[in-house]
């Protein structure tokens, strides 16, 4: 484990990530912006759709179309199961914010997977720690 995953687990234990889907999504979108240079054009477009969707400016159909396009690109490159190639991992991280009913998912598992993928694209553990701390500081009992 690392310090960022430890903080994520602490937040989940103390307040439950499922109760804070909006903050989790914001964390993931902002983390995707950190790795945008690893994204293909369709990955960048999908990130824009995700930003618009979570701001209430895009539809579920647009979100689904962006997700399908990302998976099609991964399939075309034979990367649909690749969790090592940085560009594949970046795309998989973006795919994590392309599901409309995110609250229904297991938030901790989803966030951990997202963090693994985004950090295999580019190492941003420190930035993610700071972002998590900032987004959830009002909910944490002990700040460290």
C-alpha atoms as a PDB file:
ATOM      1  CA  UNK A   1       0.000   0.000   0.000  1.00  0.00           C
ATOM      2  CA  UNK A   2       1.008   3.566  -0.360  1.00  0.00           C
ATOM      3  CA  UNK A   3       0.110   6.733   1.470  1.00  0.00           C
ATOM      4  CA  UNK A   4      -2.525   7.785  -1.070  1.00  0.00           C
ATOM      5  CA  UNK A   5      -4.312   4.419  -0.978  1.00  0.00           C
ATOM      6  CA  UNK A   6      -4.099   4.526   2.836  1.00  0.00           C
ATOM      7  CA  UNK A   7      -5.819   7.928   2.820  1.00  0.00           C
ATOM      8  CA  UNK A   8      -8.471   6.629   0.422  1.00  0.00           C
ATOM      9  CA  UNK A   9      -9.173   3.691   2.759  1.00  0.00           C
ATOM     10  CA  UNK A  10      -9.326   6.025   5.747  1.00  0.00           C
ATOM     11  CA  UNK A  11     -11.874   8.234   3.997  1.00  0.00           C
ATOM     12  CA  UNK A  12     -13.960   5.202   3.105  1.00  0.00           C
ATOM     13  CA  UNK A  13     -13.851   3.898   6.691  1.00  0.00           C
ATOM     14  CA  UNK A  14     -14.705   7.254   8.246  1.00  0.00           C
ATOM     15  CA  UNK A  15     -17.357   8.603   5.901  1.00  0.00           C
ATOM     16  CA  UNK A  16     -17.993   6.054   3.153  1.00  0.00           C
ATOM     17  CA  UNK A  17     -16.960   6.946  -0.363  1.00  0.00           C
ATOM     18  CA  UNK A  18     -20.371   5.853  -1.704  1.00  0.00           C
ATOM     19  CA  UNK A  19     -21.901   8.795   0.167  1.00  0.00           C
ATOM     20  CA  UNK A  20     -19.608  11.232  -1.634  1.00  0.00           C
ATOM     21  CA  UNK A  21     -19.843  10.209  -5.277  1.00  0.00           C
ATOM     22  CA  UNK A  22     -19.640  13.840  -6.396  1.00  0.00           C
ATOM     23  CA  UNK A  23     -16.262  14.272  -4.696  1.00  0.00           C
ATOM     24  CA  UNK A  24     -15.021  10.925  -6.001  1.00  0.00           C
ATOM     25  CA  UNK A  25     -15.964  11.842  -9.552  1.00  0.00           C
ATOM     26  CA  UNK A  26     -14.335  15.258  -9.188  1.00  0.00           C
ATOM     27  CA  UNK A  27     -11.182  13.550  -7.921  1.00  0.00           C
ATOM     28  CA  UNK A  28     -11.126  11.199 -10.905  1.00  0.00           C
ATOM     29  CA  UNK A  29     -11.815  13.907 -13.487  1.00  0.00           C
ATOM     30  CA  UNK A  30      -9.107  16.161 -12.030  1.00  0.00           C
ATOM     31  CA  UNK A  31      -6.709  13.212 -11.929  1.00  0.00           C
ATOM     32  CA  UNK A  32      -7.453  12.472 -15.592  1.00  0.00           C
ATOM     33  CA  UNK A  33      -6.526  16.049 -16.437  1.00  0.00           C
ATOM     34  CA  UNK A  34      -3.093  15.318 -14.938  1.00  0.00           C
ATOM     35  CA  UNK A  35      -2.555  12.505 -17.471  1.00  0.00           C
ATOM     36  CA  UNK A  36      -4.192  14.144 -20.494  1.00  0.00           C
ATOM     37  CA  UNK A  37      -0.900  14.128 -22.428  1.00  0.00           C
ATOM     38  CA  UNK A  38      -1.088  10.310 -22.432  1.00  0.00           C
ATOM     39  CA  UNK A  39      -4.563  10.323 -23.987  1.00  0.00           C
ATOM     40  CA  UNK A  40      -5.359   9.827 -27.649  1.00  0.00           C
ATOM     41  CA  UNK A  41      -7.715  12.239 -29.372  1.00  0.00           C
ATOM     42  CA  UNK A  42     -10.702  10.024 -28.568  1.00  0.00           C
ATOM     43  CA  UNK A  43      -9.568   9.758 -24.942  1.00  0.00           C
ATOM     44  CA  UNK A  44      -9.288  13.538 -24.705  1.00  0.00           C
ATOM     45  CA  UNK A  45     -12.735  13.937 -26.282  1.00  0.00           C
ATOM     46  CA  UNK A  46     -14.147  11.376 -23.852  1.00  0.00           C
ATOM     47  CA  UNK A  47     -12.683  13.298 -20.917  1.00  0.00           C
ATOM     48  CA  UNK A  48     -14.408  16.455 -22.172  1.00  0.00           C
ATOM     49  CA  UNK A  49     -17.709  14.539 -22.407  1.00  0.00           C
ATOM     50  CA  UNK A  50     -17.192  13.271 -18.845  1.00  0.00           C
ATOM     51  CA  UNK A  51     -16.533  16.799 -17.585  1.00  0.00           C
ATOM     52  CA  UNK A  52     -19.661  18.035 -19.348  1.00  0.00           C
ATOM     53  CA  UNK A  53     -21.767  15.107 -18.125  1.00  0.00           C
ATOM     54  CA  UNK A  54     -20.806  15.484 -14.476  1.00  0.00           C
ATOM     55  CA  UNK A  55     -21.485  19.234 -14.751  1.00  0.00           C
ATOM     56  CA  UNK A  56     -24.980  18.422 -16.035  1.00  0.00           C
ATOM     57  CA  UNK A  57     -24.224  19.541 -19.592  1.00  0.00           C
ATOM     58  CA  UNK A  58     -24.146  16.213 -21.473  1.00  0.00           C
ATOM     59  CA  UNK A  59     -26.520  13.262 -21.701  1.00  0.00           C
ATOM     60  CA  UNK A  60     -26.130   9.627 -20.704  1.00  0.00           C
ATOM     61  CA  UNK A  61     -26.197   8.789 -24.415  1.00  0.00           C
ATOM     62  CA  UNK A  62     -23.190  11.039 -25.022  1.00  0.00           C
ATOM     63  CA  UNK A  63     -21.399   9.462 -22.073  1.00  0.00           C
ATOM     64  CA  UNK A  64     -22.130   5.971 -23.365  1.00  0.00           C
ATOM     65  CA  UNK A  65     -20.979   6.878 -26.880  1.00  0.00           C
ATOM     66  CA  UNK A  66     -17.697   8.208 -25.490  1.00  0.00           C
ATOM     67  CA  UNK A  67     -17.208   5.039 -23.416  1.00  0.00           C
ATOM     68  CA  UNK A  68     -17.915   2.800 -26.415  1.00  0.00           C
ATOM     69  CA  UNK A  69     -15.458   4.778 -28.550  1.00  0.00           C
ATOM     70  CA  UNK A  70     -12.754   4.374 -25.896  1.00  0.00           C
ATOM     71  CA  UNK A  71     -13.293   0.622 -25.697  1.00  0.00           C
ATOM     72  CA  UNK A  72     -13.308   0.361 -29.501  1.00  0.00           C
ATOM     73  CA  UNK A  73      -9.970   2.130 -29.646  1.00  0.00           C
ATOM     74  CA  UNK A  74      -8.511  -0.166 -27.000  1.00  0.00           C
ATOM     75  CA  UNK A  75      -9.860  -3.182 -28.896  1.00  0.00           C
ATOM     76  CA  UNK A  76      -8.444  -1.913 -32.200  1.00  0.00           C
ATOM     77  CA  UNK A  77      -4.991  -1.730 -30.588  1.00  0.00           C
ATOM     78  CA  UNK A  78      -5.459  -5.123 -28.861  1.00  0.00           C
ATOM     79  CA  UNK A  79      -5.265  -3.260 -25.546  1.00  0.00           C
ATOM     80  CA  UNK A  80      -8.656  -4.159 -24.081  1.00  0.00           C
ATOM     81  CA  UNK A  81      -6.965  -6.168 -21.333  1.00  0.00           C
ATOM     82  CA  UNK A  82      -3.683  -4.230 -21.245  1.00  0.00           C
ATOM     83  CA  UNK A  83      -2.963  -2.775 -17.818  1.00  0.00           C
ATOM     84  CA  UNK A  84       0.719  -1.975 -18.390  1.00  0.00           C
ATOM     85  CA  UNK A  85       1.013   0.269 -21.467  1.00  0.00           C
ATOM     86  CA  UNK A  86       0.776   3.889 -20.213  1.00  0.00           C
ATOM     87  CA  UNK A  87      -1.577   5.013 -22.995  1.00  0.00           C
ATOM     88  CA  UNK A  88      -3.870   2.028 -22.422  1.00  0.00           C
ATOM     89  CA  UNK A  89      -3.920   2.733 -18.690  1.00  0.00           C
ATOM     90  CA  UNK A  90      -4.714   6.398 -19.311  1.00  0.00           C
ATOM     91  CA  UNK A  91      -7.674   5.396 -21.483  1.00  0.00           C
ATOM     92  CA  UNK A  92      -8.879   2.916 -18.861  1.00  0.00           C
ATOM     93  CA  UNK A  93      -8.682   5.685 -16.236  1.00  0.00           C
ATOM     94  CA  UNK A  94     -10.887   7.916 -18.385  1.00  0.00           C
ATOM     95  CA  UNK A  95     -13.332   5.043 -18.883  1.00  0.00           C
ATOM     96  CA  UNK A  96     -13.798   5.022 -15.093  1.00  0.00           C
ATOM     97  CA  UNK A  97     -15.568   8.407 -15.282  1.00  0.00           C
ATOM     98  CA  UNK A  98     -17.743   7.384 -18.232  1.00  0.00           C
ATOM     99  CA  UNK A  99     -20.326   5.406 -16.246  1.00  0.00           C
ATOM    100  CA  UNK A 100     -23.481   7.383 -15.405  1.00  0.00           C
ATOM    101  CA  UNK A 101     -24.595   5.505 -12.313  1.00  0.00           C
ATOM    102  CA  UNK A 102     -21.267   5.625 -10.560  1.00  0.00           C
ATOM    103  CA  UNK A 103     -22.896   5.700  -7.101  1.00  0.00           C
ATOM    104  CA  UNK A 104     -24.180   2.159  -7.631  1.00  0.00           C
ATOM    105  CA  UNK A 105     -20.657   0.828  -7.987  1.00  0.00           C
ATOM    106  CA  UNK A 106     -18.364  -0.196  -5.132  1.00  0.00           C
ATOM    107  CA  UNK A 107     -16.723   3.185  -4.651  1.00  0.00           C
ATOM    108  CA  UNK A 108     -13.586   2.006  -2.854  1.00  0.00           C
ATOM    109  CA  UNK A 109     -12.824  -0.721  -5.384  1.00  0.00           C
ATOM    110  CA  UNK A 110     -13.592   1.628  -8.288  1.00  0.00           C
ATOM    111  CA  UNK A 111     -11.361   4.388  -6.896  1.00  0.00           C
ATOM    112  CA  UNK A 112      -8.490   1.995  -6.172  1.00  0.00           C
ATOM    113  CA  UNK A 113      -8.672   0.596  -9.726  1.00  0.00           C
ATOM    114  CA  UNK A 114      -8.830   4.117 -11.132  1.00  0.00           C
ATOM    115  CA  UNK A 115      -5.775   5.161  -9.129  1.00  0.00           C
ATOM    116  CA  UNK A 116      -3.810   2.122 -10.277  1.00  0.00           C
ATOM    117  CA  UNK A 117      -4.619   2.838 -13.928  1.00  0.00           C
ATOM    118  CA  UNK A 118      -4.008   6.580 -13.779  1.00  0.00           C
ATOM    119  CA  UNK A 119      -0.684   6.149 -11.989  1.00  0.00           C
ATOM    120  CA  UNK A 120       0.487   3.512 -14.445  1.00  0.00           C
ATOM    121  CA  UNK A 121      -0.128   6.115 -17.135  1.00  0.00           C
ATOM    122  CA  UNK A 122       1.894   8.705 -15.193  1.00  0.00           C
ATOM    123  CA  UNK A 123       2.965   8.828 -11.570  1.00  0.00           C
ATOM    124  CA  UNK A 124       0.801  11.371  -9.779  1.00  0.00           C
ATOM    125  CA  UNK A 125       0.428   9.702  -6.376  1.00  0.00           C
ATOM    126  CA  UNK A 126       1.531  12.846  -4.525  1.00  0.00           C
ATOM    127  CA  UNK A 127      -0.851  15.084  -6.467  1.00  0.00           C
ATOM    128  CA  UNK A 128      -3.660  12.595  -5.892  1.00  0.00           C
ATOM    129  CA  UNK A 129      -2.927  12.472  -2.164  1.00  0.00           C
ATOM    130  CA  UNK A 130      -3.144  16.256  -1.986  1.00  0.00           C
ATOM    131  CA  UNK A 131      -6.303  16.312  -4.088  1.00  0.00           C
ATOM    132  CA  UNK A 132      -8.000  13.631  -1.936  1.00  0.00           C
ATOM    133  CA  UNK A 133      -6.999  15.484   1.211  1.00  0.00           C
ATOM    134  CA  UNK A 134      -8.344  18.740  -0.170  1.00  0.00           C
ATOM    135  CA  UNK A 135     -11.652  17.257  -1.362  1.00  0.00           C
ATOM    136  CA  UNK A 136     -12.317  15.333   1.859  1.00  0.00           C
ATOM    137  CA  UNK A 137     -10.571  17.414   4.541  1.00  0.00           C
ATOM    138  CA  UNK A 138     -13.878  18.488   6.079  1.00  0.00           C
ATOM    139  CA  UNK A 139     -14.850  14.842   6.607  1.00  0.00           C
ATOM    140  CA  UNK A 140     -11.615  13.541   8.118  1.00  0.00           C
ATOM    141  CA  UNK A 141     -11.241  13.285  11.885  1.00  0.00           C
ATOM    142  CA  UNK A 142      -7.450  13.339  11.889  1.00  0.00           C
ATOM    143  CA  UNK A 143      -5.556  15.337   9.294  1.00  0.00           C
ATOM    144  CA  UNK A 144      -2.156  13.944   8.416  1.00  0.00           C
END
